[in-house]
Amino acid sequence: MTPGPGRPGGPAHEGHPRRWAVLAVLVLSLVSIILDNTVLNVTLRTLTDPEEGLGASHSQVEWVLSAYTLAFAAMLFTWGVLGDRLGRRRVLLLGLALFGLSSLAGAYAGSPEQLIAARACMGVSGAAVLPSTLATIAAVFPMRERPKALGIWAASVGFALGIGPVTGGLLLAHFWWGSVFLINVPIVAVCLVAVVLVVPETRGLAGKRVDAGGLLLSIAGLVLLVYGIIEAGRTGGVTQPTVWGTGLAGLGLLGVFLWHERRTAEPSLELGFFRLKAFSTAVAAVGFVSFAMMGFLFFSAFYLQSVRGYTPLQAGSCTVALAVANVVCGPLSTVLVRSIGPRNVCAAGMLAVTAALSGVVFVTQHAPLWLILVLFAALGAGVACVMPTAAVSIMNAIPREKAGVASAMNNTVRQLGGALGVAVLGSLMGAAYRSGIEDELAVLPPSVRHEAGESLDATLLAATRLGESGLVGPARQAFLDAMHLAAGAAAAAALVGALAVLRWLPSTVTTPKPAAGPVPGREHSEHTKAQGS
């Protein structure tokens, strides 16, 4: 058998001959997963309607979102490891197929409980897709082209985040709520065919056994930790046992997982990776920017619909600015990495995110639309500079045979950062809003004051039902004050991330040192086996 791209003994720098077609298929697969989450955001109000939706309670609507986040974050690392061991295309196909079936079940769910279960299944299957796409890119692209490919990959994430709300608004304007899930089915079907025809099978070290004990510990620990984070956001504090109890238990299990990984012969996670500044600092940057971005998207959705009175379609259209900036700046950032280095590009992105969130302080109920669009665009440009640059640093710092693990770590931290952003900033906003509106609620009957003060929507609903129109203005102002406080906290987090990047991220792209001579079990692509001998 003659050496070939990605084949043991072959020149790794050549890459796969159809790598750009492979990238197109992987991007489509990724967009189908990311798009679903952002489409759902504008559907939540409809789900609470007993006639047009499912009549879901506020708590049930929260779990429609949280069930996906919980399952997705808990399974990312496991799927990344299994992709390295069993084959990334195999895991990708399995994830897409299960995601399509789960979407079909969600579209025709007859109750909130059924929809929550379908969303959890979508989270499990979606977690198989994300690390498989990123790890396959690392396997089929040569080092010199990998930054450009990763830039396109990251830009597609921003694109999906931006067009999702618009797509959701269009679907709700013409079809029933289940259409936001049903649209996934034909997209996934196209992806499945394309993956079979175009994407090669790649895997890491051959013959390595699966560290089942470590994977189970990671799943249990992440489930409990993410559940605690979600409950903190839902209850608005950390005093409940369901918050601190599950959070501490999750951290404890993850500590046991790390202890296990240090002692097992074939660990799922090489702890030595965290001693690499290019890896650990880039992972931290992903966490900080995800915290800030998801917090921004969380409170901006309420601002646009509940304060400015936009329809779901109008609110979703504002995120197009984020998508455009991400698509433009994502590939550009990887070009800048080669000229000015990852440290400067990543730090500039974090500072742009800081500036965008700081600008929210100047947003009022009747702020000009151009200001809103500029803030969305600045956020999109900043994220587009951080995510691809961090991905390049992470994937290049680690050997290709561990690409699935590296990708999973990148995306797990992104999910944890986002969940923390919604929980922490949401709790901060909730507490600030309740404090700001408390005195104004005196005009309402005592029996409804507590419930009316839980959120802006609850206050507006109570004011409408009881004819207290004078409560609307103070309620919106209290929300704006709370939003300004949360935006300041998010900006501070982004600034800390920028300082960490400037201090510890290397100024040049780090590459793993190749081993001398043939390496048994080196990364390989099974598609080359039929190309002759």
Protein backbone atom coordinates (compact mmCIF):
# COMPACT_ATOMS: atom_id res chain seq x y z
CA MET A 1 0.00 0.00 0.00
CA THR A 2 1.41 3.34 -1.00
CA PRO A 3 1.48 6.20 1.43
CA GLY A 4 -1.18 8.83 1.01
CA PRO A 5 -2.65 11.81 2.76
CA GLY A 6 -3.53 10.93 6.29
CA ARG A 7 -2.31 7.32 5.84
CA PRO A 8 0.22 5.85 8.21
CA GLY A 9 3.57 6.70 6.80
CA GLY A 10 2.11 9.18 4.32
CA PRO A 11 2.87 12.89 4.16
CA ALA A 12 0.46 14.49 6.56
CA HIS A 13 0.98 17.90 4.96
CA GLU A 14 -0.80 16.94 1.70
CA GLY A 15 -4.31 16.67 3.14
CA HIS A 16 -7.31 14.91 1.68
CA PRO A 17 -7.80 15.52 -2.08
CA ARG A 18 -11.48 16.45 -1.59
CA ARG A 19 -11.02 18.31 1.68
CA TRP A 20 -12.96 21.43 0.65
CA ALA A 21 -15.98 19.35 -0.36
CA VAL A 22 -15.63 17.53 2.95
CA LEU A 23 -15.62 20.89 4.75
CA ALA A 24 -18.82 21.96 2.96
CA VAL A 25 -20.61 18.81 4.13
CA LEU A 26 -19.33 19.20 7.68
CA VAL A 27 -20.44 22.84 7.81
CA LEU A 28 -23.94 21.88 6.60
CA SER A 29 -24.12 19.20 9.30
CA LEU A 30 -23.01 21.69 11.93
CA VAL A 31 -25.46 24.39 10.83
CA SER A 32 -28.36 21.92 11.06
CA ILE A 33 -27.55 21.39 14.76
CA ILE A 34 -26.83 25.01 15.75
CA LEU A 35 -29.77 26.39 13.76
CA ASP A 36 -32.27 24.32 15.72
CA ASN A 37 -31.43 25.94 19.06
CA THR A 38 -31.69 29.52 17.84
CA VAL A 39 -34.88 28.80 15.90
CA LEU A 40 -36.46 27.57 19.11
CA ASN A 41 -35.76 30.80 21.02
CA VAL A 42 -38.54 32.72 19.23
CA THR A 43 -41.00 29.82 19.69
CA LEU A 44 -41.06 29.79 23.49
CA ARG A 45 -43.98 32.19 23.87
CA THR A 46 -46.05 30.18 21.39
CA LEU A 47 -45.45 26.99 23.38
CA THR A 48 -47.18 28.55 26.41
CA ASP A 49 -50.37 29.20 24.41
CA PRO A 50 -52.93 26.43 25.11
CA GLU A 51 -54.51 26.84 21.66
CA GLU A 52 -51.59 27.56 19.31
CA GLY A 53 -48.98 25.71 21.39
CA LEU A 54 -48.86 23.10 24.14
CA GLY A 55 -50.04 25.22 27.05
CA ALA A 56 -46.63 24.77 28.69
CA SER A 57 -45.95 26.37 32.05
CA HIS A 58 -43.03 28.73 32.59
CA SER A 59 -41.06 25.96 34.29
CA GLN A 60 -41.77 23.53 31.44
CA VAL A 61 -40.64 26.07 28.85
CA GLU A 62 -37.39 26.50 30.77
CA TRP A 63 -36.83 22.75 30.64
CA VAL A 64 -37.55 22.63 26.91
CA LEU A 65 -34.38 24.71 26.63
CA SER A 66 -32.47 23.19 29.52
CA ALA A 67 -33.01 19.53 28.65
CA TYR A 68 -31.04 20.04 25.45
CA THR A 69 -28.26 21.99 27.17
CA LEU A 70 -27.96 19.38 29.92
CA ALA A 71 -27.73 16.39 27.57
CA PHE A 72 -25.55 18.20 25.03
CA ALA A 73 -22.94 19.39 27.53
CA ALA A 74 -22.84 16.04 29.34
CA MET A 75 -22.25 13.99 26.18
CA LEU A 76 -19.82 16.16 24.19
CA PHE A 77 -16.67 14.76 25.77
CA THR A 78 -17.86 11.15 25.53
CA TRP A 79 -18.76 11.43 21.85
CA GLY A 80 -15.41 13.10 21.13
CA VAL A 81 -13.54 10.20 22.73
CA LEU A 82 -15.71 7.59 20.97
CA GLY A 83 -15.10 9.34 17.64
CA ASP A 84 -11.35 9.10 18.14
CA ARG A 85 -11.63 5.41 19.05
CA LEU A 86 -14.43 4.11 16.80
CA GLY A 87 -14.36 6.48 13.83
CA ARG A 88 -15.57 10.05 13.46
CA ARG A 89 -17.72 9.54 10.37
CA ARG A 90 -19.47 6.64 12.09
CA VAL A 91 -20.25 8.80 15.12
CA LEU A 92 -21.29 11.71 12.87
CA LEU A 93 -23.75 9.52 10.93
CA LEU A 94 -25.20 8.10 14.14
CA GLY A 95 -25.61 11.58 15.62
CA LEU A 96 -27.30 12.98 12.52
CA ALA A 97 -29.70 10.04 12.23
CA LEU A 98 -30.73 10.26 15.88
CA PHE A 99 -31.04 14.05 15.64
CA GLY A 100 -33.42 13.74 12.70
CA LEU A 101 -35.59 11.19 14.50
CA SER A 102 -35.62 13.28 17.68
CA SER A 103 -36.62 16.36 15.67
CA LEU A 104 -39.51 14.44 14.13
CA ALA A 105 -40.65 13.35 17.59
CA GLY A 106 -40.38 16.93 18.86
CA ALA A 107 -42.43 18.32 15.96
CA TYR A 108 -45.38 16.09 16.79
CA ALA A 109 -45.06 16.10 20.59
CA GLY A 110 -48.49 16.08 22.19
CA SER A 111 -47.48 17.47 25.58
CA PRO A 112 -44.73 19.56 27.16
CA GLU A 113 -43.28 16.41 28.76
CA GLN A 114 -42.95 14.70 25.38
CA LEU A 115 -41.26 17.76 23.93
CA ILE A 116 -38.80 17.92 26.84
CA ALA A 117 -37.91 14.25 26.30
CA ALA A 118 -37.43 14.84 22.57
CA ARG A 119 -35.21 17.83 23.28
CA ALA A 120 -33.03 15.75 25.61
CA CYS A 121 -32.61 13.16 22.82
CA MET A 122 -31.72 15.98 20.43
CA GLY A 123 -29.06 17.13 22.88
CA VAL A 124 -27.50 13.66 23.12
CA SER A 125 -27.42 13.26 19.33
CA GLY A 126 -26.34 16.83 18.60
CA ALA A 127 -23.36 16.32 20.91
CA ALA A 128 -22.15 13.57 18.57
CA VAL A 129 -22.12 15.90 15.56
CA LEU A 130 -20.18 18.89 16.85
CA PRO A 131 -16.85 17.29 17.89
CA SER A 132 -16.93 14.93 14.91
CA THR A 133 -17.00 17.82 12.44
CA LEU A 134 -14.12 19.70 14.08
CA ALA A 135 -11.97 16.59 14.54
CA THR A 136 -12.50 15.55 10.91
CA ILE A 137 -11.35 18.99 9.74
CA ALA A 138 -8.15 18.54 11.76
CA ALA A 139 -7.64 15.11 10.15
CA VAL A 140 -8.20 15.97 6.48
CA PHE A 141 -6.61 19.43 6.25
CA PRO A 142 -2.85 20.07 6.21
CA MET A 143 -1.46 22.36 8.87
CA ARG A 144 -1.07 25.33 6.52
CA GLU A 145 -4.78 25.26 5.52
CA ARG A 146 -6.24 24.28 8.85
CA PRO A 147 -6.66 27.87 10.18
CA LYS A 148 -8.69 28.86 7.12
CA ALA A 149 -10.87 25.75 7.39
CA LEU A 150 -11.43 26.30 11.11
CA GLY A 151 -12.31 29.94 10.41
CA ILE A 152 -15.04 28.84 8.00
CA TRP A 153 -16.23 26.25 10.53
CA ALA A 154 -16.48 28.87 13.29
CA ALA A 155 -18.13 31.41 10.97
CA SER A 156 -20.84 28.86 10.18
CA VAL A 157 -21.65 28.69 13.90
CA GLY A 158 -22.15 32.45 14.01
CA PHE A 159 -24.15 32.33 10.79
CA ALA A 160 -26.52 29.73 12.25
CA LEU A 161 -26.85 31.72 15.49
CA GLY A 162 -27.78 34.80 13.48
CA ILE A 163 -30.26 33.38 10.97
CA GLY A 164 -31.97 31.02 13.44
CA PRO A 165 -34.32 33.60 14.97
CA VAL A 166 -35.25 34.93 11.53
CA THR A 167 -35.99 31.42 10.29
CA GLY A 168 -38.06 30.74 13.39
CA GLY A 169 -40.04 33.93 12.91
CA LEU A 170 -40.79 33.09 9.28
CA LEU A 171 -41.90 29.56 10.13
CA LEU A 172 -44.19 30.74 12.93
CA ALA A 173 -45.72 33.35 10.63
CA HIS A 174 -46.86 30.64 8.20
CA PHE A 175 -46.93 27.28 9.99
CA TRP A 176 -47.58 25.69 13.39
CA TRP A 177 -44.96 25.59 16.15
CA GLY A 178 -43.80 22.07 15.28
CA SER A 179 -42.41 23.32 11.97
CA VAL A 180 -39.33 24.67 13.79
CA PHE A 181 -38.39 21.05 14.53
CA LEU A 182 -39.75 19.45 11.36
CA ILE A 183 -37.50 21.60 9.18
CA ASN A 184 -34.53 19.69 10.60
CA VAL A 185 -35.64 16.40 9.03
CA PRO A 186 -34.99 17.16 5.31
CA ILE A 187 -31.77 19.03 6.17
CA VAL A 188 -30.51 16.04 8.17
CA ALA A 189 -31.50 13.67 5.35
CA VAL A 190 -29.37 15.65 2.89
CA CYS A 191 -26.49 15.69 5.38
CA LEU A 192 -26.63 11.90 5.84
CA VAL A 193 -26.37 11.26 2.10
CA ALA A 194 -23.59 13.83 1.70
CA VAL A 195 -21.56 12.41 4.60
CA VAL A 196 -21.77 8.89 3.16
CA LEU A 197 -20.68 10.07 -0.29
CA VAL A 198 -18.02 12.66 0.62
CA VAL A 199 -16.66 12.44 4.16
CA PRO A 200 -13.83 9.93 4.82
CA GLU A 201 -13.61 7.82 7.94
CA THR A 202 -10.90 9.02 10.31
CA ARG A 203 -9.93 7.93 13.78
CA GLY A 204 -7.12 8.32 16.27
CA LEU A 205 -4.91 5.67 17.78
CA ALA A 206 -5.85 2.23 16.50
CA GLY A 207 -6.30 -0.56 19.02
CA LYS A 208 -6.86 1.73 22.00
CA ARG A 209 -9.61 0.55 24.32
CA VAL A 210 -12.45 2.80 25.42
CA ASP A 211 -12.04 4.10 28.96
CA ALA A 212 -15.61 3.24 29.95
CA GLY A 213 -15.15 4.08 33.63
CA GLY A 214 -13.74 7.50 32.87
CA LEU A 215 -16.49 8.30 30.37
CA LEU A 216 -19.24 7.32 32.82
CA LEU A 217 -17.65 9.50 35.51
CA SER A 218 -17.45 12.44 33.11
CA ILE A 219 -21.10 12.04 32.06
CA ALA A 220 -22.36 11.81 35.65
CA GLY A 221 -20.23 14.73 36.80
CA LEU A 222 -21.24 16.98 33.91
CA VAL A 223 -24.94 16.10 34.25
CA LEU A 224 -24.95 17.07 37.93
CA LEU A 225 -22.83 20.20 37.43
CA VAL A 226 -24.86 21.52 34.49
CA TYR A 227 -28.12 20.66 36.28
CA GLY A 228 -26.97 22.73 39.26
CA ILE A 229 -26.08 25.64 36.97
CA ILE A 230 -29.46 25.45 35.23
CA GLU A 231 -31.32 25.31 38.55
CA ALA A 232 -29.36 28.33 39.79
CA GLY A 233 -30.61 30.31 36.82
CA ARG A 234 -34.17 28.99 37.15
CA THR A 235 -34.52 29.64 40.90
CA GLY A 236 -32.48 32.84 40.92
CA GLY A 237 -30.02 31.79 43.63
CA VAL A 238 -27.74 29.10 45.03
CA THR A 239 -29.39 28.41 48.39
CA GLN A 240 -31.58 25.54 47.19
CA PRO A 241 -30.18 22.00 47.72
CA THR A 242 -30.97 21.24 44.07
CA VAL A 243 -28.45 23.95 43.18
CA TRP A 244 -25.53 23.64 45.59
CA GLY A 245 -26.04 19.94 46.28
CA THR A 246 -25.99 18.81 42.67
CA GLY A 247 -23.30 21.33 41.77
CA LEU A 248 -20.95 20.12 44.49
CA ALA A 249 -21.71 16.49 43.67
CA GLY A 250 -20.90 17.18 40.03
CA LEU A 251 -17.61 18.85 40.90
CA GLY A 252 -16.78 15.93 43.19
CA LEU A 253 -17.39 13.37 40.46
CA LEU A 254 -15.35 15.38 38.00
CA GLY A 255 -12.55 15.42 40.58
CA VAL A 256 -12.79 11.62 40.78
CA PHE A 257 -12.72 11.54 36.97
CA LEU A 258 -9.46 13.51 36.91
CA TRP A 259 -7.99 11.24 39.59
CA HIS A 260 -9.00 8.22 37.51
CA GLU A 261 -7.49 9.68 34.35
CA ARG A 262 -4.15 10.23 36.08
CA ARG A 263 -3.94 6.56 36.99
CA THR A 264 -5.45 4.65 34.09
CA ALA A 265 -3.16 3.23 31.41
CA GLU A 266 -5.24 4.55 28.48
CA PRO A 267 -6.97 7.76 29.66
CA SER A 268 -9.71 9.51 27.72
CA LEU A 269 -8.26 12.90 28.67
CA GLU A 270 -4.53 13.58 28.74
CA LEU A 271 -4.18 15.93 31.71
CA GLY A 272 -0.80 17.04 30.39
CA PHE A 273 -2.67 18.99 27.71
CA PHE A 274 -3.59 21.59 30.34
CA ARG A 275 0.09 22.35 30.90
CA LEU A 276 0.20 23.65 27.33
CA LYS A 277 -0.56 27.38 27.44
CA ALA A 278 -1.89 27.35 23.88
CA PHE A 279 -4.47 24.75 24.88
CA SER A 280 -5.50 25.85 28.37
CA THR A 281 -5.63 29.60 27.64
CA ALA A 282 -7.59 29.09 24.43
CA VAL A 283 -10.09 26.85 26.25
CA ALA A 284 -10.47 29.53 28.92
CA ALA A 285 -11.04 32.20 26.24
CA VAL A 286 -13.84 30.08 24.76
CA GLY A 287 -15.46 29.86 28.20
CA PHE A 288 -15.27 33.60 28.86
CA VAL A 289 -16.60 34.64 25.45
CA SER A 290 -19.43 32.07 25.61
CA PHE A 291 -20.41 33.37 29.06
CA ALA A 292 -20.61 36.91 27.73
CA MET A 293 -22.25 36.09 24.39
CA MET A 294 -25.02 33.84 25.72
CA GLY A 295 -25.78 36.38 28.44
CA PHE A 296 -26.11 39.07 25.75
CA LEU A 297 -28.40 36.93 23.58
CA PHE A 298 -30.48 36.01 26.63
CA PHE A 299 -31.37 39.52 27.75
CA SER A 300 -31.46 41.03 24.25
CA ALA A 301 -34.30 38.67 23.28
CA PHE A 302 -36.45 39.99 26.15
CA TYR A 303 -35.44 43.57 25.45
CA LEU A 304 -36.42 43.42 21.79
CA GLN A 305 -39.78 41.71 22.30
CA SER A 306 -40.95 42.84 25.75
CA VAL A 307 -39.49 46.37 25.88
CA ARG A 308 -39.47 47.47 22.26
CA GLY A 309 -42.54 45.40 21.34
CA TYR A 310 -41.01 43.64 18.34
CA THR A 311 -42.56 40.53 16.83
CA PRO A 312 -40.48 37.33 16.84
CA LEU A 313 -39.58 37.95 13.19
CA GLN A 314 -38.55 41.57 13.82
CA ALA A 315 -36.51 40.58 16.86
CA GLY A 316 -34.86 37.76 14.95
CA SER A 317 -33.97 40.08 12.09
CA CYS A 318 -31.73 42.10 14.41
CA THR A 319 -29.45 39.10 14.84
CA VAL A 320 -28.69 39.15 11.10
CA ALA A 321 -26.10 41.82 11.91
CA LEU A 322 -24.39 39.31 14.23
CA ALA A 323 -24.48 36.63 11.52
CA VAL A 324 -23.07 38.90 8.81
CA ALA A 325 -20.24 40.12 11.05
CA ASN A 326 -19.43 36.54 12.01
CA VAL A 327 -19.36 35.30 8.43
CA VAL A 328 -17.14 38.18 7.32
CA CYS A 329 -14.77 38.27 10.28
CA GLY A 330 -14.47 34.53 10.94
CA PRO A 331 -12.33 33.63 7.91
CA LEU A 332 -10.56 37.00 8.11
CA SER A 333 -9.46 36.34 11.68
CA THR A 334 -7.59 33.18 10.68
CA VAL A 335 -5.71 35.18 8.05
CA LEU A 336 -4.75 37.72 10.70
CA VAL A 337 -3.50 34.92 12.95
CA ARG A 338 -0.75 34.18 10.43
CA SER A 339 0.34 37.83 10.26
CA ILE A 340 -0.05 39.19 13.81
CA GLY A 341 -0.38 36.00 15.86
CA PRO A 342 -3.21 34.32 17.81
CA ARG A 343 -2.64 36.34 20.98
CA ASN A 344 -3.36 39.70 19.33
CA VAL A 345 -6.32 38.46 17.29
CA CYS A 346 -7.97 36.68 20.22
CA ALA A 347 -7.40 39.62 22.58
CA ALA A 348 -8.83 42.05 20.03
CA GLY A 349 -11.91 39.85 19.73
CA MET A 350 -12.39 39.73 23.51
CA LEU A 351 -12.05 43.52 23.69
CA ALA A 352 -14.63 43.92 20.91
CA VAL A 353 -17.04 41.76 22.92
CA THR A 354 -16.26 43.89 25.98
CA ALA A 355 -17.02 47.05 24.00
CA ALA A 356 -20.31 45.65 22.64
CA LEU A 357 -21.52 44.73 26.12
CA SER A 358 -20.38 48.06 27.55
CA GLY A 359 -22.41 49.75 24.83
CA VAL A 360 -25.58 48.11 26.14
CA VAL A 361 -25.42 50.58 29.05
CA PHE A 362 -26.46 53.31 26.57
CA VAL A 363 -29.48 51.37 25.29
CA THR A 364 -32.89 52.75 26.24
CA GLN A 365 -36.41 51.70 25.30
CA HIS A 366 -36.40 53.97 22.26
CA ALA A 367 -32.71 53.73 21.36
CA PRO A 368 -32.13 54.09 17.60
CA LEU A 369 -32.19 50.83 15.69
CA TRP A 370 -28.74 51.50 14.23
CA LEU A 371 -27.25 51.36 17.73
CA ILE A 372 -28.82 47.94 18.36
CA LEU A 373 -27.49 46.64 15.04
CA VAL A 374 -24.01 48.05 15.71
CA LEU A 375 -23.90 46.26 19.07
CA PHE A 376 -24.97 42.96 17.49
CA ALA A 377 -22.37 43.42 14.74
CA ALA A 378 -19.61 44.26 17.24
CA LEU A 379 -20.46 41.17 19.26
CA GLY A 380 -20.45 39.02 16.14
CA ALA A 381 -17.10 40.42 14.99
CA GLY A 382 -15.56 39.88 18.42
CA VAL A 383 -16.80 36.30 18.73
CA ALA A 384 -15.60 35.62 15.18
CA CYS A 385 -12.09 36.67 16.21
CA VAL A 386 -12.06 34.57 19.38
CA MET A 387 -13.69 31.27 18.39
CA PRO A 388 -11.66 30.39 15.26
CA THR A 389 -8.41 31.59 16.82
CA ALA A 390 -9.04 29.53 19.95
CA ALA A 391 -9.98 26.53 17.83
CA VAL A 392 -6.75 26.82 15.84
CA SER A 393 -4.70 27.06 19.05
CA ILE A 394 -6.49 24.10 20.62
CA MET A 395 -6.41 21.80 17.59
CA ASN A 396 -2.81 22.64 16.66
CA ALA A 397 -1.48 22.20 20.19
CA ILE A 398 -2.58 18.56 20.37
CA PRO A 399 -1.66 15.56 18.16
CA ARG A 400 -4.18 14.80 15.41
CA GLU A 401 -5.03 11.40 16.88
CA LYS A 402 -6.52 13.26 19.87
CA ALA A 403 -8.50 15.74 17.72
CA GLY A 404 -11.86 14.41 18.91
CA VAL A 405 -10.95 14.95 22.56
CA ALA A 406 -9.59 18.43 21.82
CA SER A 407 -12.75 19.35 19.91
CA ALA A 408 -14.93 17.96 22.69
CA MET A 409 -13.08 19.99 25.34
CA ASN A 410 -13.49 23.14 23.23
CA ASN A 411 -17.22 22.62 22.84
CA THR A 412 -17.86 21.36 26.39
CA VAL A 413 -16.31 24.51 27.84
CA ARG A 414 -18.34 26.57 25.35
CA GLN A 415 -21.54 24.94 26.59
CA LEU A 416 -20.59 25.32 30.25
CA GLY A 417 -19.66 28.96 29.70
CA GLY A 418 -22.95 29.62 27.93
CA ALA A 419 -24.99 27.87 30.62
CA LEU A 420 -23.18 29.83 33.31
CA GLY A 421 -23.76 33.06 31.40
CA VAL A 422 -27.52 32.50 31.25
CA ALA A 423 -27.69 31.29 34.86
CA VAL A 424 -25.47 33.92 36.50
CA LEU A 425 -26.54 36.91 34.43
CA GLY A 426 -30.17 35.77 34.44
CA SER A 427 -30.12 35.50 38.24
CA LEU A 428 -28.45 38.90 38.53
CA MET A 429 -31.06 40.44 36.25
CA GLY A 430 -33.91 38.76 38.11
CA ALA A 431 -32.74 40.01 41.49
CA ALA A 432 -32.14 43.54 40.17
CA TYR A 433 -35.52 43.62 38.44
CA ARG A 434 -37.41 42.43 41.52
CA SER A 435 -35.66 45.08 43.61
CA GLY A 436 -36.44 47.80 41.07
CA ILE A 437 -40.12 46.98 40.61
CA GLU A 438 -41.00 46.05 44.21
CA ASP A 439 -42.35 49.46 45.28
CA GLU A 440 -44.33 49.92 42.05
CA LEU A 441 -46.20 46.63 42.61
CA ALA A 442 -48.06 48.18 45.54
CA VAL A 443 -50.88 49.11 43.14
CA LEU A 444 -51.62 45.40 42.63
CA PRO A 445 -53.58 43.15 45.02
CA PRO A 446 -51.24 41.51 47.59
CA SER A 447 -52.14 38.04 46.32
CA VAL A 448 -50.58 38.63 42.88
CA ARG A 449 -47.62 40.86 43.74
CA HIS A 450 -45.04 38.10 44.18
CA GLU A 451 -45.86 36.36 40.92
CA ALA A 452 -46.11 39.66 39.04
CA GLY A 453 -42.64 40.66 40.20
CA GLU A 454 -40.87 37.53 38.94
CA SER A 455 -40.20 38.89 35.44
CA LEU A 456 -41.03 41.72 33.07
CA ASP A 457 -43.50 39.56 31.13
CA ALA A 458 -45.26 38.57 34.37
CA THR A 459 -45.57 42.23 35.38
CA LEU A 460 -46.91 43.27 31.99
CA LEU A 461 -49.41 40.40 32.03
CA ALA A 462 -50.68 41.37 35.49
CA ALA A 463 -50.90 45.05 34.47
CA THR A 464 -52.97 44.13 31.40
CA ARG A 465 -55.34 41.82 33.26
CA LEU A 466 -55.94 44.24 36.15
CA GLY A 467 -56.03 47.41 34.04
CA GLU A 468 -52.99 49.00 35.70
CA SER A 469 -51.46 50.58 32.59
CA GLY A 470 -49.39 52.94 34.74
CA LEU A 471 -47.24 49.97 35.75
CA VAL A 472 -45.95 49.33 32.22
CA GLY A 473 -43.46 52.22 32.07
CA PRO A 474 -41.83 51.57 35.46
CA ALA A 475 -41.63 47.85 34.71
CA ARG A 476 -39.78 48.44 31.46
CA GLN A 477 -37.43 50.90 33.14
CA ALA A 478 -36.70 48.42 35.92
CA PHE A 479 -35.87 45.82 33.28
CA LEU A 480 -33.54 48.25 31.49
CA ASP A 481 -31.72 49.01 34.74
CA ALA A 482 -31.32 45.28 35.40
CA MET A 483 -30.13 44.70 31.83
CA HIS A 484 -27.50 47.42 32.18
CA LEU A 485 -26.20 45.76 35.35
CA ALA A 486 -26.04 42.32 33.70
CA ALA A 487 -24.33 43.75 30.62
CA GLY A 488 -21.70 45.36 32.83
CA ALA A 489 -21.03 42.03 34.53
CA ALA A 490 -20.74 40.29 31.16
CA ALA A 491 -18.37 43.00 29.92
CA ALA A 492 -16.21 42.47 33.01
CA ALA A 493 -16.03 38.74 32.27
CA ALA A 494 -14.98 39.44 28.68
CA LEU A 495 -12.33 41.88 29.90
CA VAL A 496 -10.90 39.25 32.28
CA GLY A 497 -10.74 36.87 29.31
CA ALA A 498 -8.87 39.48 27.27
CA LEU A 499 -6.32 40.01 30.03
CA ALA A 500 -5.82 36.23 30.39
CA VAL A 501 -5.22 35.94 26.63
CA LEU A 502 -2.71 38.80 26.63
CA ARG A 503 -0.88 37.25 29.57
CA TRP A 504 -0.75 33.56 28.65
CA LEU A 505 -1.74 32.78 25.05
CA PRO A 506 1.39 32.25 22.90
CA SER A 507 2.06 34.85 20.23
CA THR A 508 2.59 32.17 17.57
CA VAL A 509 0.61 29.06 16.67
CA THR A 510 1.87 26.05 18.61
CA THR A 511 2.23 22.75 16.78
CA PRO A 512 2.79 19.34 18.36
CA LYS A 513 6.28 17.93 17.84
CA PRO A 514 6.14 14.99 15.44
CA ALA A 515 7.57 11.75 16.74
CA ALA A 516 10.67 10.45 15.04
CA GLY A 517 10.07 7.51 12.73
CA PRO A 518 6.86 5.57 12.13
CA VAL A 519 4.29 5.90 14.87
CA PRO A 520 2.15 2.83 15.51
CA GLY A 521 -1.53 3.69 15.41
CA ARG A 522 -0.93 7.10 13.87
CA GLU A 523 -4.00 9.00 12.65
CA HIS A 524 -5.32 7.41 9.50
CA SER A 525 -8.14 7.73 7.00
CA GLU A 526 -9.83 4.53 5.98
CA HIS A 527 -10.88 5.97 2.64
CA THR A 528 -7.32 5.55 1.40
CA LYS A 529 -7.32 1.79 1.86
CA ALA A 530 -8.92 1.28 -1.52
CA GLN A 531 -6.61 3.62 -3.42
CA GLY A 532 -4.11 0.99 -4.44
CA SER A 533 -1.06 -0.74 -3.04
